[in-house]
């Protein structure tokens, strides 16, 4: 199989390409074996993944209920986020605004931190 001439042809995500470039070549590391997959250097232009332009309606409905429950309890984002494993206040705020759609495990951890059943947070969805 001929070597790919670009990161896209090699099937690499461009955001990963920059982190695995070594001396101008794209490399794959598998144990002790390092194999170059590109003929030329990695591209210098990396295109970021675009952000949402609108909040997801379902995520927004969930987030609105989370915010309502948090404010009912008189708590800040920081106070609630500290009780949730692998969660910071910024991410919790983005969940509340609907910019992120919570996975089921994350939604359950948020519900537990608010001491409310998950079903109550999902009732209006």
N, C-alpha and C. Protein backbone atom coordinates (compact mmCIF):
# COMPACT_ATOMS: atom_id res chain seq x y z
N UNK A 1 0.85 -1.18 0.00
CA UNK A 1 0.00 0.00 0.00
C UNK A 1 0.89 1.24 0.00
N UNK A 2 0.67 2.19 -0.93
CA UNK A 2 1.51 3.38 -0.99
C UNK A 2 1.25 4.27 0.21
N UNK A 3 2.26 5.03 0.60
CA UNK A 3 2.13 5.95 1.72
C UNK A 3 1.20 7.09 1.35
N UNK A 4 0.43 7.56 2.31
CA UNK A 4 -0.48 8.67 2.08
C UNK A 4 0.32 9.96 1.99
N UNK A 5 -0.22 10.92 1.25
CA UNK A 5 0.51 12.18 1.09
C UNK A 5 -0.04 13.29 1.98
N UNK A 6 -1.10 13.03 2.71
CA UNK A 6 -1.63 14.04 3.63
C UNK A 6 -2.28 13.33 4.80
N UNK A 7 -2.52 14.10 5.84
CA UNK A 7 -3.16 13.53 7.03
C UNK A 7 -4.56 13.02 6.71
N UNK A 8 -5.32 13.79 5.87
CA UNK A 8 -6.67 13.36 5.52
C UNK A 8 -6.63 12.04 4.77
N UNK A 9 -5.71 11.90 3.81
CA UNK A 9 -5.63 10.66 3.05
C UNK A 9 -5.26 9.49 3.95
N UNK A 10 -4.47 9.74 4.97
CA UNK A 10 -4.08 8.69 5.89
C UNK A 10 -5.19 8.37 6.88
N UNK A 11 -6.27 9.18 6.88
CA UNK A 11 -7.39 8.94 7.78
C UNK A 11 -7.18 9.50 9.17
N UNK A 12 -6.24 10.42 9.33
CA UNK A 12 -5.97 11.02 10.64
C UNK A 12 -6.81 12.27 10.81
N UNK A 13 -7.32 12.47 12.01
CA UNK A 13 -7.99 13.73 12.32
C UNK A 13 -6.91 14.79 12.41
N UNK A 14 -7.17 15.96 11.87
CA UNK A 14 -6.15 17.00 11.85
C UNK A 14 -5.76 17.47 13.24
N UNK A 15 -6.69 17.47 14.20
CA UNK A 15 -6.31 17.89 15.54
C UNK A 15 -5.35 16.90 16.17
N UNK A 16 -5.39 15.64 15.77
CA UNK A 16 -4.45 14.64 16.30
C UNK A 16 -3.12 14.70 15.57
N UNK A 17 -3.15 15.10 14.30
CA UNK A 17 -1.95 15.12 13.48
C UNK A 17 -0.85 15.94 14.14
N UNK A 18 -1.18 17.13 14.60
CA UNK A 18 -0.17 18.01 15.17
C UNK A 18 0.49 17.40 16.40
N UNK A 19 -0.26 16.56 17.12
CA UNK A 19 0.30 16.00 18.34
C UNK A 19 1.16 14.77 18.08
N UNK A 20 1.12 14.20 16.88
CA UNK A 20 1.92 13.02 16.61
C UNK A 20 2.99 13.26 15.54
N UNK A 21 3.13 14.51 15.10
CA UNK A 21 4.17 14.81 14.12
C UNK A 21 5.53 14.75 14.81
N UNK A 22 6.52 14.23 14.12
CA UNK A 22 7.87 14.12 14.66
C UNK A 22 8.85 14.47 13.55
N UNK A 23 9.56 15.56 13.72
CA UNK A 23 10.54 16.00 12.72
C UNK A 23 9.92 16.12 11.33
N UNK A 24 8.70 16.68 11.27
CA UNK A 24 8.07 16.92 9.98
C UNK A 24 7.39 15.73 9.37
N UNK A 25 7.41 14.58 10.01
CA UNK A 25 6.75 13.41 9.48
C UNK A 25 5.65 12.96 10.42
N UNK A 26 4.63 12.42 9.83
CA UNK A 26 3.53 11.86 10.61
C UNK A 26 3.94 10.42 10.95
N UNK A 27 3.81 10.03 12.20
CA UNK A 27 4.21 8.68 12.60
C UNK A 27 3.11 8.02 13.39
N UNK A 28 3.06 6.71 13.30
CA UNK A 28 2.19 5.91 14.14
C UNK A 28 3.09 5.17 15.12
N UNK A 29 2.70 5.10 16.36
CA UNK A 29 3.49 4.40 17.35
C UNK A 29 2.73 3.18 17.80
N UNK A 30 3.32 2.04 17.66
CA UNK A 30 2.71 0.79 18.08
C UNK A 30 3.77 0.00 18.84
N UNK A 31 3.74 0.10 20.15
CA UNK A 31 4.77 -0.57 20.96
C UNK A 31 6.13 0.03 20.66
N UNK A 32 7.08 -0.81 20.26
CA UNK A 32 8.44 -0.34 19.97
C UNK A 32 8.62 0.01 18.50
N UNK A 33 7.58 -0.18 17.69
CA UNK A 33 7.69 0.05 16.25
C UNK A 33 7.11 1.40 15.88
N UNK A 34 7.90 2.25 15.20
CA UNK A 34 7.43 3.53 14.72
C UNK A 34 7.45 3.49 13.21
N UNK A 35 6.29 3.75 12.60
CA UNK A 35 6.15 3.64 11.15
C UNK A 35 5.67 4.98 10.60
N UNK A 36 6.39 5.54 9.63
CA UNK A 36 5.96 6.76 8.97
C UNK A 36 4.84 6.42 8.00
N UNK A 37 3.77 7.22 8.03
CA UNK A 37 2.64 6.98 7.14
C UNK A 37 2.49 8.07 6.09
N UNK A 38 3.34 9.07 6.12
CA UNK A 38 3.24 10.17 5.17
C UNK A 38 4.54 10.34 4.40
N UNK A 39 4.40 10.80 3.16
CA UNK A 39 5.57 11.08 2.34
C UNK A 39 6.16 12.42 2.74
N UNK A 40 5.30 13.41 2.99
CA UNK A 40 5.77 14.76 3.30
C UNK A 40 5.46 15.15 4.73
N UNK A 41 5.73 16.40 5.05
CA UNK A 41 5.47 16.88 6.42
C UNK A 41 3.98 17.06 6.67
N UNK A 42 3.62 17.12 7.93
CA UNK A 42 2.23 17.36 8.31
C UNK A 42 1.84 18.76 7.88
N UNK A 43 0.58 18.97 7.55
CA UNK A 43 0.15 20.32 7.17
C UNK A 43 0.24 21.25 8.37
N UNK A 44 0.49 22.51 8.10
CA UNK A 44 0.60 23.49 9.18
C UNK A 44 -0.76 24.07 9.55
N UNK A 45 -1.75 23.94 8.68
CA UNK A 45 -3.08 24.46 8.95
C UNK A 45 -3.94 23.37 9.57
N UNK A 46 -4.43 23.64 10.77
CA UNK A 46 -5.31 22.71 11.45
C UNK A 46 -6.66 23.39 11.58
N UNK A 47 -7.70 22.74 11.11
CA UNK A 47 -9.04 23.31 11.14
C UNK A 47 -9.77 22.83 12.38
N UNK A 48 -10.13 23.75 13.29
CA UNK A 48 -10.83 23.34 14.50
C UNK A 48 -12.24 22.88 14.18
N UNK A 49 -12.78 22.04 15.05
CA UNK A 49 -14.16 21.58 14.92
C UNK A 49 -15.05 22.77 15.25
N UNK A 50 -16.03 23.10 14.40
CA UNK A 50 -16.87 24.26 14.68
C UNK A 50 -17.76 24.04 15.88
N UNK A 51 -17.99 25.13 16.63
CA UNK A 51 -18.90 25.07 17.78
C UNK A 51 -20.34 25.12 17.28
N UNK A 52 -21.25 24.67 18.11
CA UNK A 52 -22.67 24.77 17.77
C UNK A 52 -23.04 26.24 17.61
N UNK A 53 -23.93 26.53 16.69
CA UNK A 53 -24.40 27.90 16.55
C UNK A 53 -25.67 28.12 17.38
N UNK A 54 -26.37 27.04 17.70
CA UNK A 54 -27.56 27.10 18.54
C UNK A 54 -27.52 25.97 19.55
N UNK A 55 -28.04 26.23 20.73
CA UNK A 55 -28.11 25.18 21.75
C UNK A 55 -29.13 24.12 21.31
N UNK A 56 -28.84 22.87 21.61
CA UNK A 56 -29.75 21.77 21.29
C UNK A 56 -31.00 21.91 22.17
N UNK A 57 -32.21 21.84 21.58
CA UNK A 57 -33.44 22.05 22.37
C UNK A 57 -33.62 21.04 23.50
N UNK A 58 -33.29 19.79 23.28
CA UNK A 58 -33.43 18.78 24.34
C UNK A 58 -32.41 19.05 25.45
N UNK A 59 -31.18 19.34 25.05
CA UNK A 59 -30.14 19.64 26.04
C UNK A 59 -30.50 20.91 26.81
N UNK A 60 -31.08 21.87 26.12
CA UNK A 60 -31.48 23.12 26.78
C UNK A 60 -32.58 22.86 27.80
N UNK A 61 -33.56 22.01 27.47
CA UNK A 61 -34.65 21.70 28.41
C UNK A 61 -34.09 21.01 29.66
N UNK A 62 -33.16 20.07 29.46
CA UNK A 62 -32.51 19.41 30.60
C UNK A 62 -31.76 20.44 31.44
N UNK A 63 -30.97 21.27 30.78
CA UNK A 63 -30.17 22.27 31.47
C UNK A 63 -31.00 23.28 32.23
N UNK A 64 -32.13 23.67 31.65
CA UNK A 64 -33.02 24.62 32.32
C UNK A 64 -33.53 24.03 33.63
N UNK A 65 -33.88 22.76 33.60
CA UNK A 65 -34.36 22.10 34.83
C UNK A 65 -33.23 21.96 35.85
N UNK A 66 -32.03 21.64 35.38
CA UNK A 66 -30.88 21.55 36.30
C UNK A 66 -30.66 22.90 36.97
N UNK A 67 -30.67 23.97 36.19
CA UNK A 67 -30.46 25.32 36.76
C UNK A 67 -31.57 25.66 37.76
N UNK A 68 -32.82 25.35 37.40
CA UNK A 68 -33.93 25.65 38.31
C UNK A 68 -33.75 24.94 39.65
N UNK A 69 -33.39 23.66 39.59
CA UNK A 69 -33.19 22.89 40.83
C UNK A 69 -32.01 23.43 41.63
N UNK A 70 -30.93 23.79 40.93
CA UNK A 70 -29.74 24.32 41.62
C UNK A 70 -30.07 25.64 42.31
N UNK A 71 -30.77 26.51 41.60
CA UNK A 71 -31.12 27.81 42.19
C UNK A 71 -32.11 27.66 43.33
N UNK A 72 -33.05 26.70 43.22
CA UNK A 72 -33.98 26.40 44.32
C UNK A 72 -33.22 26.06 45.59
N UNK A 73 -32.12 25.33 45.42
CA UNK A 73 -31.30 24.91 46.56
C UNK A 73 -30.38 26.04 47.04
N UNK A 74 -30.32 27.15 46.30
CA UNK A 74 -29.48 28.28 46.68
C UNK A 74 -27.99 28.00 46.50
N UNK A 75 -27.65 27.18 45.53
CA UNK A 75 -26.25 26.79 45.33
C UNK A 75 -25.66 27.41 44.07
N UNK A 76 -24.35 27.58 44.08
CA UNK A 76 -23.64 28.08 42.91
C UNK A 76 -23.22 26.91 42.02
N UNK A 77 -22.83 27.24 40.80
CA UNK A 77 -22.30 26.21 39.90
C UNK A 77 -21.10 25.50 40.54
N UNK A 78 -20.24 26.27 41.18
CA UNK A 78 -19.04 25.70 41.80
C UNK A 78 -19.38 24.70 42.89
N UNK A 79 -20.37 25.03 43.71
CA UNK A 79 -20.75 24.14 44.81
C UNK A 79 -21.28 22.80 44.27
N UNK A 80 -22.11 22.86 43.26
CA UNK A 80 -22.68 21.63 42.71
C UNK A 80 -21.61 20.85 41.96
N UNK A 81 -20.82 21.54 41.15
CA UNK A 81 -19.80 20.87 40.33
C UNK A 81 -18.79 20.13 41.21
N UNK A 82 -18.47 20.67 42.38
CA UNK A 82 -17.51 20.00 43.28
C UNK A 82 -18.00 18.63 43.74
N UNK A 83 -19.31 18.44 43.75
CA UNK A 83 -19.86 17.15 44.19
C UNK A 83 -20.00 16.15 43.04
N UNK A 84 -19.68 16.57 41.83
CA UNK A 84 -19.83 15.70 40.66
C UNK A 84 -18.45 15.28 40.17
N UNK A 85 -18.24 13.98 40.11
CA UNK A 85 -16.97 13.44 39.64
C UNK A 85 -16.69 13.90 38.21
N UNK A 86 -15.46 14.34 37.96
CA UNK A 86 -15.00 14.78 36.63
C UNK A 86 -15.86 15.90 36.04
N UNK A 87 -16.24 16.87 36.88
CA UNK A 87 -17.08 17.98 36.41
C UNK A 87 -16.52 19.28 36.98
N UNK A 88 -16.47 20.30 36.14
CA UNK A 88 -16.10 21.62 36.66
C UNK A 88 -17.27 22.57 36.44
N UNK A 89 -17.21 23.72 37.07
CA UNK A 89 -18.32 24.67 37.03
C UNK A 89 -18.58 25.17 35.61
N UNK A 90 -17.53 25.36 34.83
CA UNK A 90 -17.70 25.84 33.46
C UNK A 90 -18.52 24.84 32.64
N UNK A 91 -18.18 23.58 32.73
CA UNK A 91 -18.91 22.55 31.97
C UNK A 91 -20.35 22.45 32.46
N UNK A 92 -20.56 22.50 33.77
CA UNK A 92 -21.92 22.44 34.30
C UNK A 92 -22.73 23.62 33.80
N UNK A 93 -22.14 24.80 33.74
CA UNK A 93 -22.83 25.97 33.20
C UNK A 93 -23.19 25.79 31.74
N UNK A 94 -22.29 25.18 30.97
CA UNK A 94 -22.57 24.91 29.56
C UNK A 94 -23.68 23.87 29.41
N UNK A 95 -23.73 22.89 30.32
CA UNK A 95 -24.85 21.94 30.33
C UNK A 95 -26.16 22.67 30.60
N UNK A 96 -26.14 23.58 31.56
CA UNK A 96 -27.35 24.33 31.90
C UNK A 96 -27.84 25.18 30.73
N UNK A 97 -26.93 25.69 29.92
CA UNK A 97 -27.31 26.52 28.78
C UNK A 97 -27.61 25.69 27.53
N UNK A 98 -27.44 24.38 27.58
CA UNK A 98 -27.77 23.52 26.46
C UNK A 98 -26.68 23.40 25.41
N UNK A 99 -25.48 23.86 25.71
CA UNK A 99 -24.37 23.77 24.75
C UNK A 99 -23.77 22.38 24.70
N UNK A 100 -24.00 21.58 25.73
CA UNK A 100 -23.55 20.19 25.75
C UNK A 100 -24.76 19.32 26.09
N UNK A 101 -24.84 18.18 25.44
CA UNK A 101 -25.89 17.21 25.76
C UNK A 101 -25.27 16.18 26.72
N UNK A 102 -25.83 16.08 27.89
CA UNK A 102 -25.30 15.18 28.91
C UNK A 102 -25.54 13.72 28.53
N UNK A 103 -24.54 12.88 28.78
CA UNK A 103 -24.74 11.44 28.63
C UNK A 103 -25.60 10.97 29.80
N UNK A 104 -26.11 9.77 29.72
CA UNK A 104 -26.94 9.25 30.81
C UNK A 104 -26.15 9.19 32.12
N UNK A 105 -24.90 8.67 32.12
CA UNK A 105 -24.15 8.67 33.39
C UNK A 105 -23.92 10.08 33.94
N UNK A 106 -23.62 11.04 33.07
CA UNK A 106 -23.41 12.42 33.54
C UNK A 106 -24.70 13.00 34.09
N UNK A 107 -25.82 12.77 33.40
CA UNK A 107 -27.11 13.27 33.87
C UNK A 107 -27.43 12.68 35.25
N UNK A 108 -27.12 11.40 35.45
CA UNK A 108 -27.36 10.75 36.75
C UNK A 108 -26.49 11.37 37.84
N UNK A 109 -25.22 11.65 37.51
CA UNK A 109 -24.34 12.27 38.51
C UNK A 109 -24.82 13.68 38.87
N UNK A 110 -25.32 14.43 37.88
CA UNK A 110 -25.86 15.76 38.15
C UNK A 110 -27.09 15.64 39.05
N UNK A 111 -27.99 14.71 38.74
CA UNK A 111 -29.19 14.51 39.56
C UNK A 111 -28.81 14.14 40.99
N UNK A 112 -27.84 13.25 41.14
CA UNK A 112 -27.40 12.86 42.49
C UNK A 112 -26.84 14.05 43.26
N UNK A 113 -26.06 14.90 42.58
CA UNK A 113 -25.49 16.08 43.24
C UNK A 113 -26.58 17.05 43.68
N UNK A 114 -27.68 17.08 42.94
CA UNK A 114 -28.80 17.96 43.29
C UNK A 114 -29.80 17.27 44.21
N UNK A 115 -29.49 16.02 44.58
CA UNK A 115 -30.35 15.22 45.45
C UNK A 115 -31.79 15.18 44.93
N UNK A 116 -31.91 14.89 43.64
CA UNK A 116 -33.21 14.78 43.00
C UNK A 116 -33.20 13.58 42.06
N UNK A 117 -34.35 12.92 41.87
CA UNK A 117 -34.36 11.79 40.95
C UNK A 117 -34.10 12.27 39.50
N UNK A 118 -33.37 11.48 38.75
CA UNK A 118 -33.09 11.81 37.36
C UNK A 118 -34.38 12.00 36.58
N UNK A 119 -35.39 11.19 36.88
CA UNK A 119 -36.68 11.31 36.17
C UNK A 119 -37.28 12.71 36.31
N UNK A 120 -37.07 13.35 37.46
CA UNK A 120 -37.61 14.70 37.66
C UNK A 120 -36.91 15.71 36.76
N UNK A 121 -35.62 15.51 36.50
CA UNK A 121 -34.89 16.43 35.61
C UNK A 121 -35.30 16.22 34.15
N UNK A 122 -35.80 15.03 33.84
CA UNK A 122 -36.17 14.70 32.46
C UNK A 122 -37.65 14.85 32.17
N UNK A 123 -38.44 15.16 33.18
CA UNK A 123 -39.90 15.18 33.05
C UNK A 123 -40.40 16.10 31.94
N UNK A 124 -39.78 17.25 31.71
CA UNK A 124 -40.27 18.23 30.73
C UNK A 124 -39.72 17.98 29.33
N UNK A 125 -38.89 16.97 29.18
CA UNK A 125 -38.28 16.73 27.87
C UNK A 125 -39.21 15.90 27.01
